[in-house]
């Protein structure tokens, strides 16, 4: 494999589709959000993206089988007059700058094929603030205003948005599309389902999709317990380090 490839194994007839991307990133916000949408909406997989720019290892399943790292592409059809969805998530981001651009271009080629006019990317915004919050940025004033009305706030100026979360919206202008990046506030060092839920609340209002979000509450509680346990471990380690340091200082003072 020399270039990024999308293997399409089913055809989809979609009405006014919006593409939503959520690959692994800060706090795993995008991946958690899109995986939840896929599960709750019972979206159907119809394509896979492979790239030599993904990490050079394979995934091993429970039966000893292996597969390359990939992105998976799903579709969901609205039952009413709302927009259909193309949902993209996967195992990894591309590991090189050239790879990021190549993967982004392949996704945009795929989006053009299905006449996508609007693309939404989901990511995390690093913050130590405990209160949930959602930021947005766009290459389209109309799309940006729609996101603000849905509950997002403007992303602080000068904030770099790295990876596909930033590249895809940035490149949409060259394809005649509108791009929007939605970022959930997260500390970033652990998977953050609470940030993912905050982002999904904005997307539900923005697109009017029938998505129930209560299913994330258990995951949020698990994440909070895990964070609390880690804080306890760190506090214990810090206390031990302090005791050891004081003991060493006492011994040094005695010898002197």
C-alpha atoms as a PDB file:
ATOM      1  CA  UNK A   1       0.000   0.000   0.000  1.00  0.00           C
ATOM      2  CA  UNK A   2       1.557   3.266  -1.118  1.00  0.00           C
ATOM      3  CA  UNK A   3      -1.313   5.699  -0.741  1.00  0.00           C
ATOM      4  CA  UNK A   4      -4.408   6.201   1.366  1.00  0.00           C
ATOM      5  CA  UNK A   5      -7.213   4.002   0.044  1.00  0.00           C
ATOM      6  CA  UNK A   6     -10.948   3.901   0.703  1.00  0.00           C
ATOM      7  CA  UNK A   7     -12.562   0.503   0.135  1.00  0.00           C
ATOM      8  CA  UNK A   8     -16.278   0.952  -0.462  1.00  0.00           C
ATOM      9  CA  UNK A   9     -18.231  -2.304  -0.175  1.00  0.00           C
ATOM     10  CA  UNK A  10     -21.796  -0.972  -0.294  1.00  0.00           C
ATOM     11  CA  UNK A  11     -23.632   1.895  -1.970  1.00  0.00           C
ATOM     12  CA  UNK A  12     -25.737   4.418  -0.122  1.00  0.00           C
ATOM     13  CA  UNK A  13     -28.373   6.754  -1.500  1.00  0.00           C
ATOM     14  CA  UNK A  14     -28.224   9.771   0.793  1.00  0.00           C
ATOM     15  CA  UNK A  15     -30.213  12.985   1.051  1.00  0.00           C
ATOM     16  CA  UNK A  16     -28.295  16.178   1.851  1.00  0.00           C
ATOM     17  CA  UNK A  17     -25.705  14.267   3.917  1.00  0.00           C
ATOM     18  CA  UNK A  18     -23.589  15.903   6.611  1.00  0.00           C
ATOM     19  CA  UNK A  19     -20.235  14.232   7.266  1.00  0.00           C
ATOM     20  CA  UNK A  20     -19.114  13.983  10.901  1.00  0.00           C
ATOM     21  CA  UNK A  21     -15.549  12.932  11.746  1.00  0.00           C
ATOM     22  CA  UNK A  22     -14.296  11.785  15.138  1.00  0.00           C
ATOM     23  CA  UNK A  23     -10.902  10.082  15.234  1.00  0.00           C
ATOM     24  CA  UNK A  24      -8.779   9.572  18.373  1.00  0.00           C
ATOM     25  CA  UNK A  25      -7.443  12.783  19.858  1.00  0.00           C
ATOM     26  CA  UNK A  26      -7.408  14.856  23.032  1.00  0.00           C
ATOM     27  CA  UNK A  27      -9.583  13.119  25.635  1.00  0.00           C
ATOM     28  CA  UNK A  28     -10.816  10.778  22.891  1.00  0.00           C
ATOM     29  CA  UNK A  29     -13.736  13.219  22.613  1.00  0.00           C
ATOM     30  CA  UNK A  30     -14.330  12.766  18.891  1.00  0.00           C
ATOM     31  CA  UNK A  31     -14.036   8.990  18.908  1.00  0.00           C
ATOM     32  CA  UNK A  32     -16.365   8.585  21.894  1.00  0.00           C
ATOM     33  CA  UNK A  33     -18.946  10.921  20.349  1.00  0.00           C
ATOM     34  CA  UNK A  34     -19.007   9.324  16.894  1.00  0.00           C
ATOM     35  CA  UNK A  35     -18.920   5.764  18.266  1.00  0.00           C
ATOM     36  CA  UNK A  36     -21.935   6.631  20.405  1.00  0.00           C
ATOM     37  CA  UNK A  37     -23.786   8.054  17.405  1.00  0.00           C
ATOM     38  CA  UNK A  38     -23.036   4.931  15.366  1.00  0.00           C
ATOM     39  CA  UNK A  39     -24.349   2.659  18.117  1.00  0.00           C
ATOM     40  CA  UNK A  40     -27.453   4.637  19.065  1.00  0.00           C
ATOM     41  CA  UNK A  41     -28.514   5.468  15.505  1.00  0.00           C
ATOM     42  CA  UNK A  42     -27.692   1.928  14.310  1.00  0.00           C
ATOM     43  CA  UNK A  43     -25.677   3.361  11.447  1.00  0.00           C
ATOM     44  CA  UNK A  44     -24.453   0.995   8.731  1.00  0.00           C
ATOM     45  CA  UNK A  45     -20.826   0.597   7.740  1.00  0.00           C
ATOM     46  CA  UNK A  46     -20.226   0.927   4.016  1.00  0.00           C
ATOM     47  CA  UNK A  47     -16.547   1.775   3.609  1.00  0.00           C
ATOM     48  CA  UNK A  48     -13.124   1.539   5.236  1.00  0.00           C
ATOM     49  CA  UNK A  49     -10.106   3.813   4.897  1.00  0.00           C
ATOM     50  CA  UNK A  50      -6.558   2.427   5.006  1.00  0.00           C
ATOM     51  CA  UNK A  51      -3.370   4.465   4.946  1.00  0.00           C
ATOM     52  CA  UNK A  52       0.395   3.819   5.055  1.00  0.00           C
ATOM     53  CA  UNK A  53       0.522   6.884   7.305  1.00  0.00           C
ATOM     54  CA  UNK A  54      -1.226   5.063  10.162  1.00  0.00           C
ATOM     55  CA  UNK A  55       1.059   3.451  12.798  1.00  0.00           C
ATOM     56  CA  UNK A  56       2.887   0.360  11.558  1.00  0.00           C
ATOM     57  CA  UNK A  57       1.232  -2.382  13.599  1.00  0.00           C
ATOM     58  CA  UNK A  58      -1.859  -4.556  13.376  1.00  0.00           C
ATOM     59  CA  UNK A  59      -4.794  -5.173  15.720  1.00  0.00           C
ATOM     60  CA  UNK A  60      -5.188  -8.740  17.058  1.00  0.00           C
ATOM     61  CA  UNK A  61      -8.693 -10.027  17.825  1.00  0.00           C
ATOM     62  CA  UNK A  62      -9.793 -12.620  20.414  1.00  0.00           C
ATOM     63  CA  UNK A  63      -9.429 -15.481  17.935  1.00  0.00           C
ATOM     64  CA  UNK A  64      -5.911 -14.543  16.929  1.00  0.00           C
ATOM     65  CA  UNK A  65      -6.879 -12.821  13.688  1.00  0.00           C
ATOM     66  CA  UNK A  66      -5.152  -9.627  12.618  1.00  0.00           C
ATOM     67  CA  UNK A  67      -6.119  -6.503  10.695  1.00  0.00           C
ATOM     68  CA  UNK A  68      -4.505  -3.249   9.704  1.00  0.00           C
ATOM     69  CA  UNK A  69      -5.355  -0.024  11.482  1.00  0.00           C
ATOM     70  CA  UNK A  70      -8.154   1.758   9.653  1.00  0.00           C
ATOM     71  CA  UNK A  71     -10.925   4.309   9.727  1.00  0.00           C
ATOM     72  CA  UNK A  72     -14.501   3.099   9.352  1.00  0.00           C
ATOM     73  CA  UNK A  73     -17.196   4.966   7.448  1.00  0.00           C
ATOM     74  CA  UNK A  74     -20.891   4.583   8.295  1.00  0.00           C
ATOM     75  CA  UNK A  75     -24.106   6.107   7.020  1.00  0.00           C
ATOM     76  CA  UNK A  76     -27.434   6.862   8.663  1.00  0.00           C
ATOM     77  CA  UNK A  77     -30.635   7.820   6.885  1.00  0.00           C
ATOM     78  CA  UNK A  78     -33.058  10.226   8.506  1.00  0.00           C
ATOM     79  CA  UNK A  79     -36.638   9.002   8.662  1.00  0.00           C
ATOM     80  CA  UNK A  80     -38.009  12.502   8.124  1.00  0.00           C
ATOM     81  CA  UNK A  81     -36.895  15.457   6.034  1.00  0.00           C
ATOM     82  CA  UNK A  82     -33.733  16.064   7.992  1.00  0.00           C
ATOM     83  CA  UNK A  83     -30.217  15.481   6.724  1.00  0.00           C
ATOM     84  CA  UNK A  84     -28.648  12.049   6.422  1.00  0.00           C
ATOM     85  CA  UNK A  85     -25.265  11.424   8.042  1.00  0.00           C
ATOM     86  CA  UNK A  86     -21.879  10.019   7.073  1.00  0.00           C
ATOM     87  CA  UNK A  87     -19.956   9.102  10.233  1.00  0.00           C
ATOM     88  CA  UNK A  88     -16.198   8.491  10.300  1.00  0.00           C
ATOM     89  CA  UNK A  89     -14.158   7.129  13.188  1.00  0.00           C
ATOM     90  CA  UNK A  90     -11.191   4.817  13.486  1.00  0.00           C
ATOM     91  CA  UNK A  91      -8.127   3.488  15.239  1.00  0.00           C
ATOM     92  CA  UNK A  92      -5.655   6.319  14.766  1.00  0.00           C
ATOM     93  CA  UNK A  93      -4.718   9.624  13.213  1.00  0.00           C
ATOM     94  CA  UNK A  94      -2.088   9.739  10.472  1.00  0.00           C
ATOM     95  CA  UNK A  95       1.387  10.000  12.008  1.00  0.00           C
ATOM     96  CA  UNK A  96       3.014  12.433   9.557  1.00  0.00           C
ATOM     97  CA  UNK A  97       2.186  15.902   8.255  1.00  0.00           C
ATOM     98  CA  UNK A  98       1.969  14.630   4.674  1.00  0.00           C
ATOM     99  CA  UNK A  99      -0.195  11.775   5.896  1.00  0.00           C
ATOM    100  CA  UNK A 100      -2.636  14.122   7.620  1.00  0.00           C
ATOM    101  CA  UNK A 101      -3.145  16.041   4.385  1.00  0.00           C
ATOM    102  CA  UNK A 102      -3.423  12.859   2.319  1.00  0.00           C
ATOM    103  CA  UNK A 103      -6.030  11.287   4.604  1.00  0.00           C
ATOM    104  CA  UNK A 104      -7.970  14.561   4.723  1.00  0.00           C
ATOM    105  CA  UNK A 105      -7.941  14.802   0.914  1.00  0.00           C
ATOM    106  CA  UNK A 106      -9.167  11.205   0.583  1.00  0.00           C
ATOM    107  CA  UNK A 107     -12.052  11.917   2.950  1.00  0.00           C
ATOM    108  CA  UNK A 108     -12.959  15.068   1.021  1.00  0.00           C
ATOM    109  CA  UNK A 109     -12.881  13.134  -2.271  1.00  0.00           C
ATOM    110  CA  UNK A 110     -15.266  10.634  -0.714  1.00  0.00           C
ATOM    111  CA  UNK A 111     -17.479  13.449   0.581  1.00  0.00           C
ATOM    112  CA  UNK A 112     -17.661  15.015  -2.890  1.00  0.00           C
ATOM    113  CA  UNK A 113     -18.796  11.696  -4.320  1.00  0.00           C
ATOM    114  CA  UNK A 114     -21.825  11.813  -2.013  1.00  0.00           C
ATOM    115  CA  UNK A 115     -22.433  15.528  -2.608  1.00  0.00           C
ATOM    116  CA  UNK A 116     -21.659  16.500   0.975  1.00  0.00           C
ATOM    117  CA  UNK A 117     -21.941  20.249   1.517  1.00  0.00           C
ATOM    118  CA  UNK A 118     -21.253  20.442   5.243  1.00  0.00           C
ATOM    119  CA  UNK A 119     -18.560  18.702   7.300  1.00  0.00           C
ATOM    120  CA  UNK A 120     -18.322  18.630  11.098  1.00  0.00           C
ATOM    121  CA  UNK A 121     -15.223  17.500  12.976  1.00  0.00           C
ATOM    122  CA  UNK A 122     -15.129  16.739  16.699  1.00  0.00           C
ATOM    123  CA  UNK A 123     -12.149  17.142  19.008  1.00  0.00           C
ATOM    124  CA  UNK A 124     -11.044  18.142  22.474  1.00  0.00           C
ATOM    125  CA  UNK A 125     -10.047  21.554  23.840  1.00  0.00           C
ATOM    126  CA  UNK A 126      -7.555  21.273  26.687  1.00  0.00           C
ATOM    127  CA  UNK A 127      -8.690  23.030  29.858  1.00  0.00           C
ATOM    128  CA  UNK A 128      -8.258  22.466  33.599  1.00  0.00           C
ATOM    129  CA  UNK A 129     -11.662  24.060  34.183  1.00  0.00           C
ATOM    130  CA  UNK A 130     -14.068  21.466  35.612  1.00  0.00           C
ATOM    131  CA  UNK A 131     -17.205  22.972  34.052  1.00  0.00           C
ATOM    132  CA  UNK A 132     -18.304  21.456  30.714  1.00  0.00           C
ATOM    133  CA  UNK A 133     -18.098  23.672  27.661  1.00  0.00           C
ATOM    134  CA  UNK A 134     -18.100  23.492  23.882  1.00  0.00           C
ATOM    135  CA  UNK A 135     -16.193  25.684  21.433  1.00  0.00           C
ATOM    136  CA  UNK A 136     -16.561  25.992  17.676  1.00  0.00           C
ATOM    137  CA  UNK A 137     -14.707  27.385  14.674  1.00  0.00           C
ATOM    138  CA  UNK A 138     -15.688  27.414  11.009  1.00  0.00           C
ATOM    139  CA  UNK A 139     -14.775  28.614   7.526  1.00  0.00           C
ATOM    140  CA  UNK A 140     -18.428  29.587   7.045  1.00  0.00           C
ATOM    141  CA  UNK A 141     -20.114  32.474   8.838  1.00  0.00           C
ATOM    142  CA  UNK A 142     -23.534  30.842   8.459  1.00  0.00           C
ATOM    143  CA  UNK A 143     -22.349  27.481   9.801  1.00  0.00           C
ATOM    144  CA  UNK A 144     -20.569  29.252  12.658  1.00  0.00           C
ATOM    145  CA  UNK A 145     -23.716  31.157  13.633  1.00  0.00           C
ATOM    146  CA  UNK A 146     -25.739  27.938  13.493  1.00  0.00           C
ATOM    147  CA  UNK A 147     -23.303  26.347  15.953  1.00  0.00           C
ATOM    148  CA  UNK A 148     -23.490  29.349  18.279  1.00  0.00           C
ATOM    149  CA  UNK A 149     -27.279  29.150  18.285  1.00  0.00           C
ATOM    150  CA  UNK A 150     -26.961  25.450  19.134  1.00  0.00           C
ATOM    151  CA  UNK A 151     -24.997  26.299  22.286  1.00  0.00           C
ATOM    152  CA  UNK A 152     -21.323  26.393  21.308  1.00  0.00           C
ATOM    153  CA  UNK A 153     -19.000  29.310  22.060  1.00  0.00           C
ATOM    154  CA  UNK A 154     -16.355  30.822  19.763  1.00  0.00           C
ATOM    155  CA  UNK A 155     -12.973  29.128  20.030  1.00  0.00           C
ATOM    156  CA  UNK A 156     -10.455  31.539  21.640  1.00  0.00           C
ATOM    157  CA  UNK A 157      -8.381  33.311  18.950  1.00  0.00           C
ATOM    158  CA  UNK A 158      -4.965  31.869  18.197  1.00  0.00           C
ATOM    159  CA  UNK A 159      -5.841  28.364  19.363  1.00  0.00           C
ATOM    160  CA  UNK A 160      -4.335  25.806  16.939  1.00  0.00           C
ATOM    161  CA  UNK A 161      -6.641  22.924  16.012  1.00  0.00           C
ATOM    162  CA  UNK A 162      -4.377  20.051  15.045  1.00  0.00           C
ATOM    163  CA  UNK A 163      -5.048  16.839  13.128  1.00  0.00           C
ATOM    164  CA  UNK A 164      -8.102  16.105  11.021  1.00  0.00           C
ATOM    165  CA  UNK A 165     -10.276  18.083  13.433  1.00  0.00           C
ATOM    166  CA  UNK A 166      -8.637  21.219  12.061  1.00  0.00           C
ATOM    167  CA  UNK A 167      -7.485  20.164   8.592  1.00  0.00           C
ATOM    168  CA  UNK A 168     -10.821  18.930   7.267  1.00  0.00           C
ATOM    169  CA  UNK A 169     -12.721  22.179   7.990  1.00  0.00           C
ATOM    170  CA  UNK A 170      -9.723  24.156   6.769  1.00  0.00           C
ATOM    171  CA  UNK A 171      -9.592  22.342   3.432  1.00  0.00           C
ATOM    172  CA  UNK A 172     -13.337  22.361   2.742  1.00  0.00           C
ATOM    173  CA  UNK A 173     -13.139  25.869   1.280  1.00  0.00           C
ATOM    174  CA  UNK A 174     -11.117  24.450  -1.642  1.00  0.00           C
ATOM    175  CA  UNK A 175     -13.972  22.027  -2.352  1.00  0.00           C
ATOM    176  CA  UNK A 176     -16.901  24.416  -2.133  1.00  0.00           C
ATOM    177  CA  UNK A 177     -18.025  22.991   1.217  1.00  0.00           C
ATOM    178  CA  UNK A 178     -18.660  24.409   4.677  1.00  0.00           C
ATOM    179  CA  UNK A 179     -16.535  23.099   7.539  1.00  0.00           C
ATOM    180  CA  UNK A 180     -17.161  23.298  11.276  1.00  0.00           C
ATOM    181  CA  UNK A 181     -14.980  22.106  14.143  1.00  0.00           C
ATOM    182  CA  UNK A 182     -16.659  21.453  17.497  1.00  0.00           C
ATOM    183  CA  UNK A 183     -14.400  21.055  20.522  1.00  0.00           C
ATOM    184  CA  UNK A 184     -15.358  19.782  23.966  1.00  0.00           C
ATOM    185  CA  UNK A 185     -13.488  21.088  27.018  1.00  0.00           C
ATOM    186  CA  UNK A 186     -11.361  18.320  28.513  1.00  0.00           C
ATOM    187  CA  UNK A 187      -8.291  17.838  30.671  1.00  0.00           C
ATOM    188  CA  UNK A 188      -7.197  15.503  27.934  1.00  0.00           C
ATOM    189  CA  UNK A 189      -5.218  12.845  29.777  1.00  0.00           C
ATOM    190  CA  UNK A 190      -8.123  10.366  30.113  1.00  0.00           C
ATOM    191  CA  UNK A 191     -11.049   9.419  27.856  1.00  0.00           C
ATOM    192  CA  UNK A 192     -13.697  12.057  28.534  1.00  0.00           C
ATOM    193  CA  UNK A 193     -17.298  10.950  27.867  1.00  0.00           C
ATOM    194  CA  UNK A 194     -18.627  14.070  29.610  1.00  0.00           C
ATOM    195  CA  UNK A 195     -16.941  16.293  27.016  1.00  0.00           C
ATOM    196  CA  UNK A 196     -18.276  14.010  24.274  1.00  0.00           C
ATOM    197  CA  UNK A 197     -21.799  14.375  25.656  1.00  0.00           C
ATOM    198  CA  UNK A 198     -21.485  18.171  25.724  1.00  0.00           C
ATOM    199  CA  UNK A 199     -20.452  18.140  22.059  1.00  0.00           C
ATOM    200  CA  UNK A 200     -23.300  15.805  21.115  1.00  0.00           C
ATOM    201  CA  UNK A 201     -25.812  18.087  22.828  1.00  0.00           C
ATOM    202  CA  UNK A 202     -24.726  20.849  20.452  1.00  0.00           C
ATOM    203  CA  UNK A 203     -24.840  18.552  17.405  1.00  0.00           C
ATOM    204  CA  UNK A 204     -28.329  17.296  18.293  1.00  0.00           C
ATOM    205  CA  UNK A 205     -29.609  20.874  18.418  1.00  0.00           C
ATOM    206  CA  UNK A 206     -27.638  21.860  15.330  1.00  0.00           C
ATOM    207  CA  UNK A 207     -28.853  19.027  13.089  1.00  0.00           C
ATOM    208  CA  UNK A 208     -32.110  18.056  14.782  1.00  0.00           C
ATOM    209  CA  UNK A 209     -31.236  14.361  14.921  1.00  0.00           C
ATOM    210  CA  UNK A 210     -33.135  11.972  17.237  1.00  0.00           C
ATOM    211  CA  UNK A 211     -30.278  11.009  19.536  1.00  0.00           C
ATOM    212  CA  UNK A 212     -30.854  10.112  23.191  1.00  0.00           C
ATOM    213  CA  UNK A 213     -27.794  10.938  25.306  1.00  0.00           C
ATOM    214  CA  UNK A 214     -28.628   9.292  28.645  1.00  0.00           C
ATOM    215  CA  UNK A 215     -26.622   6.246  27.595  1.00  0.00           C
ATOM    216  CA  UNK A 216     -23.427   8.213  28.223  1.00  0.00           C
ATOM    217  CA  UNK A 217     -24.220   8.896  31.879  1.00  0.00           C
ATOM    218  CA  UNK A 218     -22.870   5.543  33.116  1.00  0.00           C
ATOM    219  CA  UNK A 219     -19.649   6.083  31.192  1.00  0.00           C
ATOM    220  CA  UNK A 220     -19.344   9.548  32.706  1.00  0.00           C
ATOM    221  CA  UNK A 221     -19.677   8.121  36.229  1.00  0.00           C
ATOM    222  CA  UNK A 222     -17.058   5.454  35.465  1.00  0.00           C
ATOM    223  CA  UNK A 223     -14.676   8.104  34.147  1.00  0.00           C
ATOM    224  CA  UNK A 224     -15.160  10.241  37.272  1.00  0.00           C
ATOM    225  CA  UNK A 225     -14.469   7.256  39.545  1.00  0.00           C
ATOM    226  CA  UNK A 226     -11.328   6.426  37.576  1.00  0.00           C
ATOM    227  CA  UNK A 227     -10.104  10.012  37.796  1.00  0.00           C
ATOM    228  CA  UNK A 228     -10.794  10.036  41.534  1.00  0.00           C
ATOM    229  CA  UNK A 229      -8.846   6.804  42.000  1.00  0.00           C
ATOM    230  CA  UNK A 230      -5.905   8.188  40.041  1.00  0.00           C
ATOM    231  CA  UNK A 231      -5.927  11.351  42.126  1.00  0.00           C
ATOM    232  CA  UNK A 232      -5.847   9.219  45.264  1.00  0.00           C
ATOM    233  CA  UNK A 233      -2.880   7.238  43.956  1.00  0.00           C
ATOM    234  CA  UNK A 234      -1.018  10.427  43.054  1.00  0.00           C
ATOM    235  CA  UNK A 235      -1.738  11.929  46.477  1.00  0.00           C
ATOM    236  CA  UNK A 236      -0.396   8.783  48.175  1.00  0.00           C
ATOM    237  CA  UNK A 237       2.747   8.869  46.039  1.00  0.00           C
ATOM    238  CA  UNK A 238       3.276  12.552  46.786  1.00  0.00           C
ATOM    239  CA  UNK A 239       2.907  11.893  50.532  1.00  0.00           C
ATOM    240  CA  UNK A 240       5.431   9.053  50.389  1.00  0.00           C
ATOM    241  CA  UNK A 241       7.872  11.204  48.423  1.00  0.00           C
ATOM    242  CA  UNK A 242       7.556  13.970  51.010  1.00  0.00           C
ATOM    243  CA  UNK A 243       8.216  11.527  53.876  1.00  0.00           C
ATOM    244  CA  UNK A 244      11.247  10.057  52.093  1.00  0.00           C
ATOM    245  CA  UNK A 245      12.653  13.509  51.363  1.00  0.00           C
ATOM    246  CA  UNK A 246      12.224  14.628  54.969  1.00  0.00           C
ATOM    247  CA  UNK A 247      13.868  11.449  56.222  1.00  0.00           C
ATOM    248  CA  UNK A 248      16.829  11.972  53.880  1.00  0.00           C
ATOM    249  CA  UNK A 249      17.129  15.598  55.017  1.00  0.00           C
ATOM    250  CA  UNK A 250      17.080  14.477  58.663  1.00  0.00           C
ATOM    251  CA  UNK A 251      19.820  11.922  58.043  1.00  0.00           C
ATOM    252  CA  UNK A 252      21.946  14.441  56.164  1.00  0.00           C
ATOM    253  CA  UNK A 253      21.563  16.934  58.986  1.00  0.00           C
ATOM    254  CA  UNK A 254      22.536  14.292  61.566  1.00  0.00           C
ATOM    255  CA  UNK A 255      25.673  13.266  59.629  1.00  0.00           C
ATOM    256  CA  UNK A 256      26.718  16.895  59.159  1.00  0.00           C
END
